């Protein structure tokens, strides 16, 4: 049985989240959540909640042993870019781009 959780328009750059996502890919859910709960990064908190949501979705979908779940895949895509202006000296303005992310976490049983 497979569980999936998706977070869209996360207000964080995909480049910052991909490092954490690559750390947990292929790991057991228990060890991944233990690791993510200890790391002092915002992306770790986001991924921790997303992994728990994917586990709950897999459990709700059918009879699944939570201890045997593995993070099959975790990928981060670009979301829409929020364009803002910041004032500079001599009446000029620079464009600031706030990047967003779409994060997907897939969990499945070890046998699959």
N, C-alpha and C. Protein backbone atom coordinates (compact mmCIF):
# COMPACT_ATOMS: atom_id res chain seq x y z
N UNK A 1 0.84 -1.17 0.00
CA UNK A 1 0.00 0.00 0.00
C UNK A 1 0.89 1.24 0.00
N UNK A 2 0.44 2.25 -0.68
CA UNK A 2 1.24 3.44 -0.85
C UNK A 2 0.51 4.65 -0.28
N UNK A 3 1.25 5.54 0.35
CA UNK A 3 0.69 6.79 0.86
C UNK A 3 1.41 7.95 0.23
N UNK A 4 0.70 9.04 0.08
CA UNK A 4 1.27 10.19 -0.59
C UNK A 4 0.79 11.46 0.11
N UNK A 5 1.67 12.42 0.23
CA UNK A 5 1.31 13.72 0.78
C UNK A 5 1.96 14.79 -0.09
N UNK A 6 1.21 15.84 -0.37
CA UNK A 6 1.69 16.92 -1.24
C UNK A 6 1.49 18.25 -0.54
N UNK A 7 2.52 19.07 -0.56
CA UNK A 7 2.42 20.44 -0.06
C UNK A 7 2.71 21.35 -1.22
N UNK A 8 1.78 22.23 -1.52
CA UNK A 8 1.95 23.14 -2.64
C UNK A 8 2.18 24.55 -2.12
N UNK A 9 2.95 25.31 -2.87
CA UNK A 9 3.23 26.73 -2.58
C UNK A 9 3.88 26.94 -1.21
N UNK A 10 4.81 26.06 -0.83
CA UNK A 10 5.56 26.26 0.40
C UNK A 10 6.45 27.48 0.23
N UNK A 11 6.44 28.38 1.20
CA UNK A 11 7.18 29.63 1.08
C UNK A 11 8.65 29.43 1.43
N UNK A 12 9.31 28.61 0.63
CA UNK A 12 10.73 28.36 0.80
C UNK A 12 11.30 27.94 -0.55
N UNK A 13 12.52 28.30 -0.77
CA UNK A 13 13.17 28.00 -2.04
C UNK A 13 13.34 26.49 -2.22
N UNK A 14 13.11 25.96 -3.41
CA UNK A 14 13.28 24.53 -3.65
C UNK A 14 14.71 24.06 -3.39
N UNK A 15 15.67 24.92 -3.63
CA UNK A 15 17.07 24.56 -3.44
C UNK A 15 17.37 24.26 -1.96
N UNK A 16 16.71 24.99 -1.06
CA UNK A 16 16.92 24.77 0.36
C UNK A 16 16.26 23.49 0.85
N UNK A 17 15.17 23.09 0.23
CA UNK A 17 14.43 21.91 0.66
C UNK A 17 15.02 20.63 0.07
N UNK A 18 15.58 20.70 -1.12
CA UNK A 18 16.09 19.50 -1.80
C UNK A 18 17.19 18.80 -1.01
N UNK A 19 18.01 19.53 -0.31
CA UNK A 19 19.06 18.92 0.50
C UNK A 19 18.49 18.01 1.56
N UNK A 20 17.45 18.46 2.26
CA UNK A 20 16.79 17.64 3.29
C UNK A 20 16.03 16.48 2.65
N UNK A 21 15.41 16.73 1.51
CA UNK A 21 14.64 15.69 0.84
C UNK A 21 15.54 14.54 0.40
N UNK A 22 16.73 14.86 -0.06
CA UNK A 22 17.67 13.82 -0.47
C UNK A 22 18.19 13.02 0.72
N UNK A 23 18.24 13.62 1.90
CA UNK A 23 18.68 12.91 3.10
C UNK A 23 17.73 11.79 3.50
N UNK A 24 16.43 12.03 3.33
CA UNK A 24 15.45 11.04 3.83
C UNK A 24 15.00 10.05 2.78
N UNK A 25 15.37 10.25 1.53
CA UNK A 25 14.93 9.37 0.45
C UNK A 25 15.44 7.95 0.68
N UNK A 26 14.53 6.97 0.64
CA UNK A 26 14.90 5.56 0.79
C UNK A 26 15.05 5.09 2.22
N UNK A 27 14.83 5.96 3.21
CA UNK A 27 15.00 5.57 4.60
C UNK A 27 13.69 5.07 5.20
N UNK A 28 13.81 4.35 6.30
CA UNK A 28 12.66 3.92 7.06
C UNK A 28 11.98 5.15 7.65
N UNK A 29 10.65 5.10 7.77
CA UNK A 29 9.90 6.26 8.23
C UNK A 29 10.31 6.64 9.66
N UNK A 30 10.52 5.66 10.52
CA UNK A 30 10.90 5.94 11.90
C UNK A 30 12.23 6.66 12.00
N UNK A 31 13.22 6.19 11.27
CA UNK A 31 14.53 6.84 11.32
C UNK A 31 14.50 8.21 10.65
N UNK A 32 13.71 8.35 9.59
CA UNK A 32 13.62 9.64 8.89
C UNK A 32 12.96 10.69 9.79
N UNK A 33 11.88 10.32 10.47
CA UNK A 33 11.21 11.29 11.35
C UNK A 33 12.09 11.64 12.55
N UNK A 34 12.84 10.65 13.07
CA UNK A 34 13.75 10.94 14.19
C UNK A 34 14.84 11.91 13.75
N UNK A 35 15.35 11.72 12.55
CA UNK A 35 16.39 12.60 12.04
C UNK A 35 15.85 14.01 11.79
N UNK A 36 14.67 14.09 11.16
CA UNK A 36 14.10 15.39 10.83
C UNK A 36 13.71 16.18 12.07
N UNK A 37 13.30 15.49 13.13
CA UNK A 37 12.88 16.21 14.34
C UNK A 37 14.07 16.84 15.06
N UNK A 38 15.28 16.34 14.82
CA UNK A 38 16.47 16.86 15.50
C UNK A 38 17.17 17.97 14.73
N UNK A 39 16.93 18.07 13.44
CA UNK A 39 17.65 19.04 12.61
C UNK A 39 17.07 20.45 12.78
N UNK A 40 17.92 21.46 12.94
CA UNK A 40 17.44 22.82 13.21
C UNK A 40 17.18 23.64 11.95
N UNK A 41 16.49 23.09 10.99
CA UNK A 41 16.21 23.82 9.74
C UNK A 41 14.70 23.89 9.53
N UNK A 42 14.27 24.95 8.89
CA UNK A 42 12.85 25.12 8.61
C UNK A 42 12.37 24.03 7.64
N UNK A 43 13.20 23.68 6.68
CA UNK A 43 12.81 22.65 5.72
C UNK A 43 12.65 21.30 6.40
N UNK A 44 13.40 21.03 7.47
CA UNK A 44 13.25 19.78 8.20
C UNK A 44 11.89 19.71 8.89
N UNK A 45 11.44 20.84 9.43
CA UNK A 45 10.11 20.86 10.07
C UNK A 45 9.00 20.63 9.05
N UNK A 46 9.15 21.25 7.88
CA UNK A 46 8.14 21.08 6.82
C UNK A 46 8.08 19.63 6.37
N UNK A 47 9.24 19.02 6.12
CA UNK A 47 9.29 17.64 5.66
C UNK A 47 8.81 16.67 6.75
N UNK A 48 9.09 16.97 8.02
CA UNK A 48 8.64 16.12 9.12
C UNK A 48 7.12 16.02 9.12
N UNK A 49 6.45 17.16 9.02
CA UNK A 49 4.98 17.16 9.00
C UNK A 49 4.45 16.45 7.75
N UNK A 50 5.14 16.61 6.64
CA UNK A 50 4.70 16.00 5.40
C UNK A 50 4.85 14.48 5.44
N UNK A 51 5.93 13.99 6.04
CA UNK A 51 6.13 12.54 6.18
C UNK A 51 5.05 11.95 7.08
N UNK A 52 4.74 12.62 8.20
CA UNK A 52 3.69 12.14 9.09
C UNK A 52 2.33 12.11 8.38
N UNK A 53 2.09 13.09 7.55
CA UNK A 53 0.84 13.12 6.78
C UNK A 53 0.77 11.98 5.78
N UNK A 54 1.89 11.69 5.12
CA UNK A 54 1.93 10.58 4.15
C UNK A 54 1.71 9.25 4.86
N UNK A 55 2.28 9.08 6.05
CA UNK A 55 2.08 7.85 6.83
C UNK A 55 0.62 7.71 7.23
N UNK A 56 0.00 8.81 7.68
CA UNK A 56 -1.41 8.77 8.05
C UNK A 56 -2.29 8.44 6.85
N UNK A 57 -1.93 8.98 5.67
CA UNK A 57 -2.69 8.68 4.46
C UNK A 57 -2.58 7.21 4.08
N UNK A 58 -1.38 6.64 4.22
CA UNK A 58 -1.20 5.22 3.90
C UNK A 58 -1.96 4.35 4.88
N UNK A 59 -1.96 4.74 6.14
CA UNK A 59 -2.66 3.97 7.17
C UNK A 59 -4.17 4.04 6.96
N UNK A 60 -4.65 5.19 6.54
CA UNK A 60 -6.07 5.39 6.32
C UNK A 60 -6.56 4.66 5.07
N UNK A 61 -5.68 4.53 4.08
CA UNK A 61 -6.03 3.92 2.80
C UNK A 61 -6.32 2.42 2.94
N UNK A 62 -5.55 1.76 3.77
CA UNK A 62 -5.73 0.32 3.91
C UNK A 62 -4.92 -0.21 5.07
N UNK A 63 -4.99 -1.52 5.25
CA UNK A 63 -4.24 -2.12 6.36
C UNK A 63 -2.75 -2.10 6.04
N UNK A 64 -2.05 -1.34 6.83
CA UNK A 64 -0.62 -1.17 6.59
C UNK A 64 0.10 -1.18 7.94
N UNK A 65 1.25 -1.83 7.98
CA UNK A 65 2.07 -1.80 9.17
C UNK A 65 2.96 -0.57 9.10
N UNK A 66 2.76 0.36 10.02
CA UNK A 66 3.46 1.64 9.97
C UNK A 66 4.97 1.44 10.12
N UNK A 67 5.38 0.41 10.87
CA UNK A 67 6.81 0.18 11.07
C UNK A 67 7.52 -0.28 9.81
N UNK A 68 6.77 -0.83 8.86
CA UNK A 68 7.40 -1.34 7.64
C UNK A 68 7.40 -0.32 6.49
N UNK A 69 6.95 0.90 6.77
CA UNK A 69 6.90 1.91 5.72
C UNK A 69 8.28 2.52 5.46
N UNK A 70 8.54 2.75 4.18
CA UNK A 70 9.79 3.35 3.73
C UNK A 70 9.46 4.55 2.85
N UNK A 71 10.26 5.59 2.94
CA UNK A 71 10.06 6.75 2.07
C UNK A 71 10.59 6.38 0.69
N UNK A 72 9.66 6.09 -0.19
CA UNK A 72 10.03 5.63 -1.53
C UNK A 72 10.63 6.75 -2.36
N UNK A 73 10.00 7.91 -2.32
CA UNK A 73 10.49 9.03 -3.11
C UNK A 73 10.07 10.33 -2.43
N UNK A 74 10.87 11.33 -2.60
CA UNK A 74 10.58 12.66 -2.07
C UNK A 74 11.15 13.65 -3.06
N UNK A 75 10.31 14.40 -3.71
CA UNK A 75 10.82 15.34 -4.70
C UNK A 75 10.22 16.72 -4.52
N UNK A 76 11.00 17.70 -4.93
CA UNK A 76 10.66 19.11 -4.75
C UNK A 76 10.67 19.78 -6.12
N UNK A 77 9.58 20.42 -6.46
CA UNK A 77 9.47 21.14 -7.73
C UNK A 77 9.34 22.63 -7.48
N UNK A 78 9.60 23.41 -8.50
CA UNK A 78 9.45 24.86 -8.40
C UNK A 78 7.98 25.23 -8.36
N UNK A 79 7.65 26.18 -7.50
CA UNK A 79 6.31 26.74 -7.46
C UNK A 79 6.33 28.11 -8.11
N UNK A 80 5.26 28.85 -7.98
CA UNK A 80 5.24 30.20 -8.54
C UNK A 80 6.22 31.12 -7.81
N UNK A 81 6.77 32.06 -8.52
CA UNK A 81 7.71 33.01 -7.94
C UNK A 81 6.97 34.30 -7.63
N UNK A 82 7.04 34.75 -6.36
CA UNK A 82 6.42 36.00 -5.96
C UNK A 82 7.41 37.12 -6.22
N UNK A 83 7.02 38.07 -7.04
CA UNK A 83 7.93 39.15 -7.41
C UNK A 83 7.60 40.40 -6.59
N UNK A 84 8.61 40.91 -5.92
CA UNK A 84 8.46 42.09 -5.07
C UNK A 84 9.52 43.13 -5.44
N UNK A 85 9.30 44.35 -5.04
CA UNK A 85 10.26 45.42 -5.31
C UNK A 85 10.83 45.92 -3.98
N UNK A 86 12.13 46.22 -4.01
CA UNK A 86 12.79 46.79 -2.84
C UNK A 86 13.46 48.09 -3.26
N UNK A 87 13.22 49.13 -2.49
CA UNK A 87 13.78 50.42 -2.85
C UNK A 87 15.29 50.44 -2.63
N UNK A 88 15.97 51.17 -3.51
CA UNK A 88 17.41 51.34 -3.43
C UNK A 88 17.73 52.83 -3.47
N UNK A 89 18.97 53.14 -3.43
CA UNK A 89 19.37 54.55 -3.39
C UNK A 89 19.08 55.26 -4.70
N UNK A 90 19.00 56.55 -4.64
CA UNK A 90 18.80 57.43 -5.80
C UNK A 90 17.52 57.11 -6.56
N UNK A 91 16.47 56.72 -5.85
CA UNK A 91 15.16 56.52 -6.47
C UNK A 91 15.03 55.26 -7.30
N UNK A 92 15.98 54.36 -7.20
CA UNK A 92 15.92 53.12 -7.97
C UNK A 92 15.17 52.04 -7.19
N UNK A 93 14.87 50.94 -7.88
CA UNK A 93 14.23 49.80 -7.23
C UNK A 93 14.80 48.52 -7.83
N UNK A 94 15.00 47.52 -6.99
CA UNK A 94 15.45 46.20 -7.44
C UNK A 94 14.34 45.20 -7.22
N UNK A 95 14.32 44.20 -8.09
CA UNK A 95 13.30 43.16 -7.97
C UNK A 95 13.80 42.05 -7.05
N UNK A 96 12.97 41.68 -6.10
CA UNK A 96 13.25 40.58 -5.20
C UNK A 96 12.31 39.44 -5.57
N UNK A 97 12.86 38.23 -5.71
CA UNK A 97 12.04 37.08 -6.08
C UNK A 97 11.93 36.12 -4.90
N UNK A 98 10.70 35.93 -4.40
CA UNK A 98 10.45 34.97 -3.34
C UNK A 98 10.05 33.66 -4.01
N UNK A 99 10.91 32.69 -3.95
CA UNK A 99 10.64 31.41 -4.60
C UNK A 99 9.79 30.52 -3.72
N UNK A 100 8.91 29.74 -4.33
CA UNK A 100 8.07 28.80 -3.60
C UNK A 100 8.29 27.40 -4.15
N UNK A 101 7.78 26.40 -3.42
CA UNK A 101 8.04 25.01 -3.76
C UNK A 101 6.77 24.18 -3.71
N UNK A 102 6.77 23.12 -4.50
CA UNK A 102 5.77 22.06 -4.41
C UNK A 102 6.52 20.81 -3.96
N UNK A 103 6.14 20.25 -2.80
CA UNK A 103 6.85 19.10 -2.23
C UNK A 103 5.92 17.90 -2.24
N UNK A 104 6.43 16.74 -2.67
CA UNK A 104 5.67 15.50 -2.69
C UNK A 104 6.48 14.41 -1.98
N UNK A 105 5.82 13.70 -1.06
CA UNK A 105 6.44 12.60 -0.34
C UNK A 105 5.62 11.34 -0.60
N UNK A 106 6.29 10.27 -1.04
CA UNK A 106 5.65 8.99 -1.29
C UNK A 106 6.22 7.95 -0.33
N UNK A 107 5.34 7.26 0.39
CA UNK A 107 5.78 6.17 1.28
C UNK A 107 5.11 4.87 0.83
N UNK A 108 5.84 3.77 0.98
CA UNK A 108 5.28 2.46 0.65
C UNK A 108 5.90 1.42 1.57
N UNK A 109 5.34 0.23 1.53
CA UNK A 109 5.86 -0.85 2.36
C UNK A 109 7.17 -1.38 1.80
N UNK A 110 7.97 -2.00 2.65
CA UNK A 110 9.29 -2.48 2.22
C UNK A 110 9.20 -3.51 1.12
N UNK A 111 8.19 -4.36 1.13
CA UNK A 111 8.08 -5.44 0.14
C UNK A 111 7.84 -4.94 -1.26
N UNK A 112 7.22 -3.75 -1.40
CA UNK A 112 6.87 -3.24 -2.73
C UNK A 112 8.00 -2.52 -3.38
